[in-house]
Amino acid sequence: MAVETVDVDAMTPEDFAALVKRSSDSDLQATIEQAGVERVLERVFSTIPERLKSSAASSVNDTMSFRITSGDTTYSHGLKIAGGTCTHISGPVEEFRAGVTCDVVTFSKLLTGQANEITLFLRRKLKIAGDLAFAQGFLRYFDRPKA
């Protein structure tokens, strides 16, 4: 596999999951960097709220913070679930129930279900601040894209 050119604006969650599945870690990193890490993350996060399982999240009223690194740069995002809806927060999140920090490749695998939260945490590829149980179960509130 090699570095790919992706149309970030037209990329669906399923397209992203397929890219993650077929790419080695280094190729995925290079592909995301070529497309623009910030652009890719904005696109990915913009599609997450519509994948919320409203019935599963109906009683949730909390925010999850994400700090995603690529090289020396950290990109901050948040997802707030309240009243059965989800809102994307672009930028640092001041108040949150849990926060995760990881690199962009780890985040991509986590989001697409191609890596397990607990395994990543135990291998120290995923750092969690705040409510550990909430962080490890957060993605269950969403339909993950399949490759």
N, C-alpha and C. Protein backbone atom coordinates (compact mmCIF):
# COMPACT_ATOMS: atom_id res chain seq x y z
N MET A 1 0.86 -1.18 0.00
CA MET A 1 0.00 0.00 0.00
C MET A 1 0.89 1.23 0.00
N ALA A 2 0.42 2.27 -0.56
CA ALA A 2 1.19 3.51 -0.63
C ALA A 2 0.35 4.67 -0.14
N VAL A 3 0.98 5.82 -0.09
CA VAL A 3 0.26 7.03 0.29
C VAL A 3 -0.81 7.29 -0.76
N GLU A 4 -2.02 7.61 -0.29
CA GLU A 4 -3.14 7.85 -1.20
C GLU A 4 -3.52 9.32 -1.20
N THR A 5 -4.15 9.73 -2.28
CA THR A 5 -4.74 11.05 -2.35
C THR A 5 -6.23 10.87 -2.07
N VAL A 6 -6.73 11.60 -1.09
CA VAL A 6 -8.14 11.47 -0.72
C VAL A 6 -8.84 12.81 -0.89
N ASP A 7 -10.10 12.73 -1.29
CA ASP A 7 -10.95 13.92 -1.39
C ASP A 7 -11.64 14.08 -0.04
N VAL A 8 -11.04 14.89 0.82
CA VAL A 8 -11.52 15.03 2.19
C VAL A 8 -12.98 15.48 2.23
N ASP A 9 -13.34 16.43 1.38
CA ASP A 9 -14.70 16.97 1.40
C ASP A 9 -15.76 15.95 1.01
N ALA A 10 -15.40 14.99 0.18
CA ALA A 10 -16.36 13.97 -0.26
C ALA A 10 -16.24 12.67 0.53
N MET A 11 -15.27 12.58 1.42
CA MET A 11 -15.01 11.35 2.17
C MET A 11 -16.15 11.03 3.13
N THR A 12 -16.70 9.82 3.01
CA THR A 12 -17.74 9.37 3.93
C THR A 12 -17.07 8.63 5.09
N PRO A 13 -17.78 8.42 6.19
CA PRO A 13 -17.22 7.64 7.28
C PRO A 13 -16.79 6.24 6.82
N GLU A 14 -17.55 5.65 5.90
CA GLU A 14 -17.19 4.31 5.39
C GLU A 14 -15.92 4.38 4.54
N ASP A 15 -15.76 5.45 3.76
CA ASP A 15 -14.52 5.66 2.99
C ASP A 15 -13.33 5.74 3.94
N PHE A 16 -13.51 6.49 5.02
CA PHE A 16 -12.43 6.66 5.99
C PHE A 16 -12.09 5.32 6.64
N ALA A 17 -13.11 4.55 7.02
CA ALA A 17 -12.87 3.24 7.64
C ALA A 17 -12.13 2.31 6.68
N ALA A 18 -12.49 2.35 5.41
CA ALA A 18 -11.81 1.52 4.41
C ALA A 18 -10.35 1.95 4.25
N LEU A 19 -10.10 3.25 4.26
CA LEU A 19 -8.73 3.76 4.17
C LEU A 19 -7.90 3.27 5.35
N VAL A 20 -8.46 3.35 6.54
CA VAL A 20 -7.75 2.92 7.75
C VAL A 20 -7.46 1.42 7.68
N LYS A 21 -8.44 0.65 7.23
CA LYS A 21 -8.29 -0.80 7.19
C LYS A 21 -7.21 -1.25 6.21
N ARG A 22 -7.12 -0.61 5.06
CA ARG A 22 -6.19 -1.08 4.03
C ARG A 22 -4.79 -0.48 4.13
N SER A 23 -4.60 0.47 5.04
CA SER A 23 -3.32 1.18 5.13
C SER A 23 -2.47 0.69 6.29
N SER A 24 -1.16 0.65 6.07
CA SER A 24 -0.25 0.43 7.18
C SER A 24 -0.25 1.70 8.02
N ASP A 25 0.27 1.63 9.23
CA ASP A 25 0.29 2.81 10.10
C ASP A 25 1.04 3.96 9.44
N SER A 26 2.21 3.66 8.86
CA SER A 26 3.00 4.74 8.25
C SER A 26 2.32 5.31 7.01
N ASP A 27 1.69 4.46 6.20
CA ASP A 27 0.97 4.96 5.02
C ASP A 27 -0.25 5.78 5.42
N LEU A 28 -0.95 5.35 6.47
CA LEU A 28 -2.11 6.09 6.94
C LEU A 28 -1.68 7.46 7.46
N GLN A 29 -0.61 7.49 8.24
CA GLN A 29 -0.08 8.76 8.74
C GLN A 29 0.26 9.69 7.58
N ALA A 30 0.97 9.17 6.59
CA ALA A 30 1.39 9.98 5.44
C ALA A 30 0.19 10.45 4.62
N THR A 31 -0.80 9.59 4.44
CA THR A 31 -2.00 9.96 3.67
C THR A 31 -2.76 11.08 4.38
N ILE A 32 -2.92 10.96 5.70
CA ILE A 32 -3.63 11.98 6.47
C ILE A 32 -2.85 13.29 6.45
N GLU A 33 -1.53 13.21 6.58
CA GLU A 33 -0.71 14.43 6.54
C GLU A 33 -0.80 15.10 5.18
N GLN A 34 -0.77 14.30 4.10
CA GLN A 34 -0.85 14.86 2.75
C GLN A 34 -2.20 15.57 2.55
N ALA A 35 -3.27 14.99 3.07
CA ALA A 35 -4.60 15.57 2.93
C ALA A 35 -4.81 16.77 3.86
N GLY A 36 -3.99 16.83 4.91
CA GLY A 36 -4.11 17.89 5.91
C GLY A 36 -4.78 17.34 7.15
N VAL A 37 -4.01 17.15 8.20
CA VAL A 37 -4.53 16.53 9.42
C VAL A 37 -5.75 17.29 9.94
N GLU A 38 -5.65 18.60 10.00
CA GLU A 38 -6.78 19.39 10.52
C GLU A 38 -8.03 19.22 9.66
N ARG A 39 -7.86 19.22 8.34
CA ARG A 39 -9.01 19.04 7.43
C ARG A 39 -9.64 17.67 7.63
N VAL A 40 -8.80 16.63 7.73
CA VAL A 40 -9.32 15.27 7.92
C VAL A 40 -10.07 15.17 9.24
N LEU A 41 -9.48 15.68 10.32
CA LEU A 41 -10.14 15.60 11.63
C LEU A 41 -11.44 16.39 11.65
N GLU A 42 -11.45 17.58 11.05
CA GLU A 42 -12.70 18.36 10.99
C GLU A 42 -13.78 17.57 10.25
N ARG A 43 -13.41 16.93 9.14
CA ARG A 43 -14.38 16.14 8.37
C ARG A 43 -14.88 14.95 9.18
N VAL A 44 -13.96 14.24 9.80
CA VAL A 44 -14.33 13.06 10.60
C VAL A 44 -15.25 13.47 11.75
N PHE A 45 -14.85 14.50 12.51
CA PHE A 45 -15.66 14.92 13.65
C PHE A 45 -17.01 15.49 13.21
N SER A 46 -17.08 16.09 12.03
CA SER A 46 -18.35 16.66 11.58
C SER A 46 -19.38 15.58 11.27
N THR A 47 -18.94 14.36 10.99
CA THR A 47 -19.87 13.28 10.68
C THR A 47 -20.27 12.45 11.90
N ILE A 48 -19.54 12.59 12.99
CA ILE A 48 -19.82 11.77 14.18
C ILE A 48 -21.19 12.06 14.79
N PRO A 49 -21.61 13.32 14.97
CA PRO A 49 -22.91 13.56 15.61
C PRO A 49 -24.09 12.87 14.93
N GLU A 50 -24.07 12.75 13.62
CA GLU A 50 -25.18 12.10 12.92
C GLU A 50 -25.19 10.59 13.11
N ARG A 51 -24.13 10.04 13.68
CA ARG A 51 -24.05 8.61 13.92
C ARG A 51 -24.45 8.24 15.37
N LEU A 52 -24.92 9.22 16.14
CA LEU A 52 -25.32 8.99 17.52
C LEU A 52 -26.51 8.05 17.58
N LYS A 53 -26.45 7.08 18.47
CA LYS A 53 -27.58 6.20 18.74
C LYS A 53 -28.40 6.91 19.82
N SER A 54 -29.39 7.66 19.40
CA SER A 54 -30.16 8.50 20.32
C SER A 54 -30.75 7.73 21.49
N SER A 55 -31.25 6.54 21.23
CA SER A 55 -31.88 5.76 22.31
C SER A 55 -30.85 5.34 23.35
N ALA A 56 -29.64 5.01 22.94
CA ALA A 56 -28.60 4.60 23.87
C ALA A 56 -28.06 5.78 24.67
N ALA A 57 -28.12 6.97 24.08
CA ALA A 57 -27.53 8.15 24.71
C ALA A 57 -28.55 9.09 25.32
N SER A 58 -29.80 8.66 25.42
CA SER A 58 -30.87 9.56 25.86
C SER A 58 -30.65 10.12 27.26
N SER A 59 -30.00 9.38 28.13
CA SER A 59 -29.81 9.86 29.51
C SER A 59 -28.42 10.47 29.72
N VAL A 60 -27.62 10.55 28.68
CA VAL A 60 -26.26 11.09 28.81
C VAL A 60 -26.30 12.61 28.69
N ASN A 61 -25.55 13.26 29.57
CA ASN A 61 -25.39 14.71 29.51
C ASN A 61 -23.94 15.01 29.89
N ASP A 62 -23.03 14.70 28.98
CA ASP A 62 -21.61 14.82 29.27
C ASP A 62 -20.83 15.16 28.01
N THR A 63 -19.60 15.59 28.24
CA THR A 63 -18.70 15.96 27.14
C THR A 63 -17.44 15.12 27.19
N MET A 64 -16.98 14.74 26.02
CA MET A 64 -15.74 13.99 25.86
C MET A 64 -14.75 14.88 25.11
N SER A 65 -13.55 14.98 25.62
CA SER A 65 -12.50 15.79 25.00
C SER A 65 -11.52 14.87 24.27
N PHE A 66 -11.09 15.31 23.10
CA PHE A 66 -10.10 14.56 22.32
C PHE A 66 -8.92 15.47 22.03
N ARG A 67 -7.73 14.99 22.33
CA ARG A 67 -6.49 15.68 21.96
C ARG A 67 -5.73 14.70 21.07
N ILE A 68 -5.63 15.05 19.80
CA ILE A 68 -5.06 14.14 18.81
C ILE A 68 -3.77 14.76 18.29
N THR A 69 -2.71 13.98 18.36
CA THR A 69 -1.40 14.49 17.97
C THR A 69 -0.98 13.96 16.60
N SER A 70 -0.21 14.79 15.93
CA SER A 70 0.44 14.41 14.68
C SER A 70 1.75 15.19 14.65
N GLY A 71 2.85 14.48 14.79
CA GLY A 71 4.13 15.16 14.92
C GLY A 71 4.13 15.98 16.19
N ASP A 72 4.50 17.25 16.08
CA ASP A 72 4.55 18.14 17.24
C ASP A 72 3.27 18.94 17.45
N THR A 73 2.25 18.67 16.64
CA THR A 73 1.01 19.45 16.70
C THR A 73 -0.09 18.65 17.39
N THR A 74 -0.85 19.34 18.25
CA THR A 74 -2.00 18.72 18.92
C THR A 74 -3.27 19.40 18.43
N TYR A 75 -4.24 18.59 18.04
CA TYR A 75 -5.54 19.06 17.55
C TYR A 75 -6.58 18.72 18.61
N SER A 76 -7.37 19.70 19.01
CA SER A 76 -8.36 19.50 20.07
C SER A 76 -9.76 19.54 19.51
N HIS A 77 -10.56 18.59 19.98
CA HIS A 77 -11.97 18.50 19.59
C HIS A 77 -12.76 17.98 20.78
N GLY A 78 -14.06 18.15 20.73
CA GLY A 78 -14.92 17.61 21.76
C GLY A 78 -16.23 17.15 21.17
N LEU A 79 -16.87 16.25 21.89
CA LEU A 79 -18.21 15.80 21.53
C LEU A 79 -19.07 15.91 22.78
N LYS A 80 -20.14 16.69 22.68
CA LYS A 80 -21.06 16.87 23.80
C LYS A 80 -22.36 16.16 23.47
N ILE A 81 -22.76 15.27 24.36
CA ILE A 81 -24.04 14.57 24.23
C ILE A 81 -24.97 15.13 25.29
N ALA A 82 -26.13 15.60 24.85
CA ALA A 82 -27.15 16.13 25.77
C ALA A 82 -28.50 16.04 25.09
N GLY A 83 -29.49 15.58 25.82
CA GLY A 83 -30.85 15.53 25.30
C GLY A 83 -31.01 14.64 24.08
N GLY A 84 -30.20 13.60 23.99
CA GLY A 84 -30.31 12.67 22.87
C GLY A 84 -29.69 13.18 21.58
N THR A 85 -28.92 14.28 21.66
CA THR A 85 -28.23 14.79 20.47
C THR A 85 -26.75 14.97 20.78
N CYS A 86 -25.96 15.06 19.73
CA CYS A 86 -24.52 15.22 19.87
C CYS A 86 -24.08 16.47 19.12
N THR A 87 -23.17 17.20 19.72
CA THR A 87 -22.63 18.40 19.12
C THR A 87 -21.11 18.30 19.08
N HIS A 88 -20.53 18.66 17.94
CA HIS A 88 -19.07 18.68 17.79
C HIS A 88 -18.54 20.03 18.24
N ILE A 89 -17.49 20.01 19.05
CA ILE A 89 -16.82 21.22 19.50
C ILE A 89 -15.44 21.23 18.85
N SER A 90 -15.18 22.22 18.03
CA SER A 90 -13.88 22.34 17.38
C SER A 90 -13.00 23.23 18.25
N GLY A 91 -11.90 22.69 18.73
CA GLY A 91 -11.00 23.43 19.60
C GLY A 91 -10.98 22.83 20.99
N PRO A 92 -10.16 23.40 21.87
CA PRO A 92 -10.03 22.86 23.23
C PRO A 92 -11.34 22.87 24.00
N VAL A 93 -11.53 21.85 24.82
CA VAL A 93 -12.71 21.71 25.66
C VAL A 93 -12.27 21.93 27.11
N GLU A 94 -12.86 22.92 27.75
CA GLU A 94 -12.45 23.27 29.12
C GLU A 94 -13.03 22.32 30.16
N GLU A 95 -14.32 22.01 30.04
CA GLU A 95 -14.96 21.13 31.02
C GLU A 95 -15.45 19.87 30.33
N PHE A 96 -15.01 18.72 30.85
CA PHE A 96 -15.39 17.45 30.25
C PHE A 96 -15.40 16.36 31.32
N ARG A 97 -16.16 15.32 31.04
CA ARG A 97 -16.21 14.19 31.97
C ARG A 97 -14.99 13.31 31.79
N ALA A 98 -14.55 13.16 30.54
CA ALA A 98 -13.35 12.37 30.25
C ALA A 98 -12.67 12.94 29.03
N GLY A 99 -11.39 12.73 28.96
CA GLY A 99 -10.62 13.18 27.82
C GLY A 99 -9.63 12.12 27.40
N VAL A 100 -9.41 12.02 26.11
CA VAL A 100 -8.41 11.07 25.61
C VAL A 100 -7.37 11.82 24.79
N THR A 101 -6.16 11.30 24.85
CA THR A 101 -5.06 11.82 24.06
C THR A 101 -4.42 10.64 23.35
N CYS A 102 -4.22 10.80 22.03
CA CYS A 102 -3.58 9.76 21.24
C CYS A 102 -3.10 10.36 19.92
N ASP A 103 -2.34 9.59 19.17
CA ASP A 103 -1.91 10.08 17.86
C ASP A 103 -3.02 9.84 16.84
N VAL A 104 -2.88 10.46 15.68
CA VAL A 104 -3.94 10.44 14.66
C VAL A 104 -4.18 9.02 14.13
N VAL A 105 -3.17 8.19 14.04
CA VAL A 105 -3.35 6.81 13.56
C VAL A 105 -4.13 6.01 14.59
N THR A 106 -3.77 6.13 15.86
CA THR A 106 -4.49 5.43 16.92
C THR A 106 -5.95 5.87 16.96
N PHE A 107 -6.18 7.18 16.86
CA PHE A 107 -7.54 7.70 16.85
C PHE A 107 -8.34 7.12 15.68
N SER A 108 -7.73 7.07 14.52
CA SER A 108 -8.40 6.55 13.32
C SER A 108 -8.81 5.10 13.51
N LYS A 109 -7.92 4.31 14.07
CA LYS A 109 -8.23 2.89 14.32
C LYS A 109 -9.30 2.73 15.39
N LEU A 110 -9.21 3.54 16.42
CA LEU A 110 -10.20 3.50 17.49
C LEU A 110 -11.59 3.86 16.98
N LEU A 111 -11.67 4.95 16.25
CA LEU A 111 -12.94 5.44 15.75
C LEU A 111 -13.62 4.46 14.80
N THR A 112 -12.83 3.76 14.00
CA THR A 112 -13.39 2.85 13.00
C THR A 112 -13.54 1.42 13.53
N GLY A 113 -13.27 1.22 14.81
CA GLY A 113 -13.45 -0.10 15.41
C GLY A 113 -12.36 -1.09 15.05
N GLN A 114 -11.24 -0.61 14.57
CA GLN A 114 -10.15 -1.50 14.18
C GLN A 114 -9.08 -1.62 15.27
N ALA A 115 -9.40 -1.05 16.43
CA ALA A 115 -8.57 -1.19 17.62
C ALA A 115 -9.49 -1.07 18.83
N ASN A 116 -9.10 -1.69 19.91
CA ASN A 116 -9.91 -1.74 21.12
C ASN A 116 -9.39 -0.72 22.13
N GLU A 117 -10.31 0.03 22.74
CA GLU A 117 -9.96 1.07 23.69
C GLU A 117 -9.10 0.53 24.84
N ILE A 118 -9.50 -0.58 25.40
CA ILE A 118 -8.80 -1.13 26.56
C ILE A 118 -7.39 -1.57 26.17
N THR A 119 -7.26 -2.24 25.04
CA THR A 119 -5.94 -2.66 24.57
C THR A 119 -5.04 -1.46 24.33
N LEU A 120 -5.57 -0.44 23.67
CA LEU A 120 -4.79 0.77 23.41
C LEU A 120 -4.37 1.45 24.71
N PHE A 121 -5.26 1.47 25.69
CA PHE A 121 -4.96 2.07 26.99
C PHE A 121 -3.86 1.28 27.69
N LEU A 122 -3.99 -0.03 27.70
CA LEU A 122 -2.99 -0.88 28.36
C LEU A 122 -1.63 -0.80 27.68
N ARG A 123 -1.61 -0.59 26.38
CA ARG A 123 -0.35 -0.46 25.63
C ARG A 123 0.18 0.98 25.65
N ARG A 124 -0.51 1.84 26.37
CA ARG A 124 -0.13 3.25 26.53
C ARG A 124 -0.15 4.04 25.23
N LYS A 125 -0.98 3.62 24.30
CA LYS A 125 -1.17 4.37 23.05
C LYS A 125 -2.33 5.34 23.19
N LEU A 126 -3.11 5.17 24.25
CA LEU A 126 -4.29 5.99 24.52
C LEU A 126 -4.21 6.43 25.98
N LYS A 127 -4.16 7.74 26.20
CA LYS A 127 -4.13 8.27 27.56
C LYS A 127 -5.52 8.79 27.87
N ILE A 128 -5.98 8.51 29.09
CA ILE A 128 -7.32 8.91 29.49
C ILE A 128 -7.25 9.76 30.75
N ALA A 129 -7.94 10.89 30.72
CA ALA A 129 -8.06 11.76 31.88
C ALA A 129 -9.52 11.79 32.30
N GLY A 130 -9.76 11.85 33.59
CA GLY A 130 -11.14 11.92 34.06
C GLY A 130 -11.73 10.54 34.26
N ASP A 131 -13.00 10.39 33.92
CA ASP A 131 -13.76 9.17 34.16
C ASP A 131 -13.35 8.07 33.17
N LEU A 132 -12.56 7.14 33.66
CA LEU A 132 -12.02 6.06 32.84
C LEU A 132 -13.12 5.21 32.22
N ALA A 133 -14.11 4.81 32.99
CA ALA A 133 -15.19 3.96 32.48
C ALA A 133 -15.99 4.67 31.39
N PHE A 134 -16.29 5.95 31.60
CA PHE A 134 -17.02 6.72 30.59
C PHE A 134 -16.22 6.80 29.30
N ALA A 135 -14.93 7.08 29.42
CA ALA A 135 -14.07 7.19 28.23
C ALA A 135 -14.01 5.88 27.46
N GLN A 136 -13.86 4.78 28.17
CA GLN A 136 -13.73 3.49 27.49
C GLN A 136 -15.04 3.04 26.85
N GLY A 137 -16.16 3.53 27.33
CA GLY A 137 -17.44 3.14 26.75
C GLY A 137 -18.07 4.19 25.86
N PHE A 138 -17.41 5.31 25.68
CA PHE A 138 -18.01 6.43 24.97
C PHE A 138 -18.45 6.09 23.55
N LEU A 139 -17.65 5.38 22.83
CA LEU A 139 -17.96 5.10 21.42
C LEU A 139 -19.16 4.16 21.24
N ARG A 140 -19.59 3.53 22.31
CA ARG A 140 -20.78 2.66 22.19
C ARG A 140 -22.04 3.46 21.91
N TYR A 141 -21.98 4.76 22.13
CA TYR A 141 -23.13 5.62 21.84
C TYR A 141 -23.27 5.95 20.36
N PHE A 142 -22.34 5.46 19.55
CA PHE A 142 -22.32 5.80 18.13
C PHE A 142 -22.23 4.54 17.27
N ASP A 143 -22.81 4.65 16.07
CA ASP A 143 -22.61 3.61 15.06
C ASP A 143 -21.26 3.87 14.43
N ARG A 144 -20.36 2.93 14.59
CA ARG A 144 -19.03 3.11 14.00
C ARG A 144 -19.08 2.75 12.52
N PRO A 145 -18.36 3.49 11.70
CA PRO A 145 -18.34 3.17 10.27
C PRO A 145 -17.61 1.85 10.01
N LYS A 146 -18.11 1.10 9.09
CA LYS A 146 -17.50 -0.20 8.73
C LYS A 146 -16.82 -0.11 7.39
N ALA A 147 -15.71 -0.80 7.27
CA ALA A 147 -14.96 -0.80 6.01
C ALA A 147 -15.53 -1.85 5.08
